[in-house]
C-alpha atoms as a PDB file:
ATOM      1  CA  MET A   1      99.780  82.636 123.642  1.00  0.00           C
ATOM      2  CA  GLN A   2     101.068  86.134 124.263  1.00  0.00           C
ATOM      3  CA  LEU A   3     100.153  88.492 121.376  1.00  0.00           C
ATOM      4  CA  GLU A   4     103.503  89.675 120.385  1.00  0.00           C
ATOM      5  CA  ASN A   5     104.406  86.020 120.087  1.00  0.00           C
ATOM      6  CA  TYR A   6     103.026  86.464 116.391  1.00  0.00           C
ATOM      7  CA  PHE A   7     105.040  89.274 115.527  1.00  0.00           C
ATOM      8  CA  GLU A   8     108.869  89.379 114.989  1.00  0.00           C
ATOM      9  CA  PHE A   9     110.653  92.719 116.111  1.00  0.00           C
ATOM     10  CA  LEU A  10     113.371  93.205 113.401  1.00  0.00           C
ATOM     11  CA  SER A  11     113.917  97.315 114.468  1.00  0.00           C
ATOM     12  CA  GLU A  12     112.019  99.908 115.483  1.00  0.00           C
ATOM     13  CA  ASP A  13     110.731 100.621 112.282  1.00  0.00           C
ATOM     14  CA  ASP A  14     110.742  96.763 110.943  1.00  0.00           C
ATOM     15  CA  ILE A  15     107.746  94.557 112.449  1.00  0.00           C
ATOM     16  CA  ARG A  16     106.870  91.260 110.577  1.00  0.00           C
ATOM     17  CA  ILE A  17     104.414  88.564 110.958  1.00  0.00           C
ATOM     18  CA  ARG A  18     106.137  85.707 112.262  1.00  0.00           C
ATOM     19  CA  GLY A  19     107.096  82.958 109.535  1.00  0.00           C
ATOM     20  CA  THR A  20     106.443  85.689 106.919  1.00  0.00           C
ATOM     21  CA  ARG A  21     107.884  88.578 104.913  1.00  0.00           C
ATOM     22  CA  VAL A  22     104.868  90.502 105.565  1.00  0.00           C
ATOM     23  CA  GLY A  23     104.793  93.673 107.489  1.00  0.00           C
ATOM     24  CA  ILE A  24     102.150  94.983 110.186  1.00  0.00           C
ATOM     25  CA  GLU A  25     101.582  97.673 108.198  1.00  0.00           C
ATOM     26  CA  THR A  26     100.487  95.737 104.965  1.00  0.00           C
ATOM     27  CA  VAL A  27      97.641  94.299 107.015  1.00  0.00           C
ATOM     28  CA  LEU A  28      96.836  97.544 108.872  1.00  0.00           C
ATOM     29  CA  GLU A  29      96.649  99.559 105.465  1.00  0.00           C
ATOM     30  CA  ASP A  30      94.015  97.061 104.096  1.00  0.00           C
ATOM     31  CA  TYR A  31      92.572  97.179 107.412  1.00  0.00           C
ATOM     32  CA  HIS A  32      92.294 100.798 107.537  1.00  0.00           C
ATOM     33  CA  GLU A  33      91.132 101.322 103.979  1.00  0.00           C
ATOM     34  CA  GLY A  34      88.054  99.002 104.828  1.00  0.00           C
ATOM     35  CA  SER A  35      89.110  95.669 104.026  1.00  0.00           C
ATOM     36  CA  SER A  36      87.588  92.914 106.342  1.00  0.00           C
ATOM     37  CA  PRO A  37      89.737  90.312 108.190  1.00  0.00           C
ATOM     38  CA  GLU A  38      88.476  87.743 105.901  1.00  0.00           C
ATOM     39  CA  ASP A  39      89.102  89.676 102.790  1.00  0.00           C
ATOM     40  CA  ILE A  40      93.269  90.787 104.095  1.00  0.00           C
ATOM     41  CA  ALA A  41      93.728  86.858 104.629  1.00  0.00           C
ATOM     42  CA  ALA A  42      92.665  86.009 101.282  1.00  0.00           C
ATOM     43  CA  ARG A  43      94.674  88.545  99.564  1.00  0.00           C
ATOM     44  CA  TYR A  44      97.953  87.838 101.310  1.00  0.00           C
ATOM     45  CA  ARG A  45      97.571  83.426 101.389  1.00  0.00           C
ATOM     46  CA  SER A  46     100.975  83.525 103.345  1.00  0.00           C
ATOM     47  CA  LEU A  47      98.858  84.735 106.403  1.00  0.00           C
ATOM     48  CA  THR A  48      96.260  82.885 108.433  1.00  0.00           C
ATOM     49  CA  LEU A  49      93.075  84.545 109.609  1.00  0.00           C
ATOM     50  CA  GLU A  50      94.189  84.326 112.583  1.00  0.00           C
ATOM     51  CA  GLN A  51      97.554  86.222 112.230  1.00  0.00           C
ATOM     52  CA  VAL A  52      95.276  88.971 110.883  1.00  0.00           C
ATOM     53  CA  TYR A  53      93.241  89.239 113.750  1.00  0.00           C
ATOM     54  CA  ALA A  54      96.165  88.936 115.977  1.00  0.00           C
ATOM     55  CA  THR A  55      97.578  92.145 113.952  1.00  0.00           C
ATOM     56  CA  ILE A  56      94.353  93.888 114.443  1.00  0.00           C
ATOM     57  CA  THR A  57      94.273  93.309 117.963  1.00  0.00           C
ATOM     58  CA  TYR A  58      97.890  93.900 118.600  1.00  0.00           C
ATOM     59  CA  TYR A  59      97.141  97.441 116.701  1.00  0.00           C
ATOM     60  CA  TRP A  60      93.881  98.095 119.219  1.00  0.00           C
ATOM     61  CA  ARG A  61      96.086  97.275 122.240  1.00  0.00           C
ATOM     62  CA  ASN A  62      98.896  99.580 121.371  1.00  0.00           C
ATOM     63  CA  GLN A  63      97.210 102.197 119.003  1.00  0.00           C
ATOM     64  CA  ARG A  64      99.652 105.377 119.775  1.00  0.00           C
ATOM     65  CA  GLN A  65     102.921 103.155 119.605  1.00  0.00           C
ATOM     66  CA  ILE A  66     101.735 101.738 116.186  1.00  0.00           C
ATOM     67  CA  ASP A  67     100.300 104.897 114.809  1.00  0.00           C
ATOM     68  CA  GLY A  68     103.657 106.310 115.370  1.00  0.00           C
ATOM     69  CA  TYR A  69     105.427 103.269 113.799  1.00  0.00           C
ATOM     70  CA  LEU A  70     102.765 103.554 110.651  1.00  0.00           C
END
């Protein structure tokens, strides 16, 4: 599966995790503040651990672009 399949690209400034209302910025802010992927998945019950890891991996692969988005 392509990593991009985990997300819905609604506009330049609105990327959400597919099947949820959660924007990738929500996961990434918690991650940058030191939360583990497991903690993030527990906090946002609509997310699976796989979705959280996919979001973090997408960030790592596209860091410059996503930093601009954030």
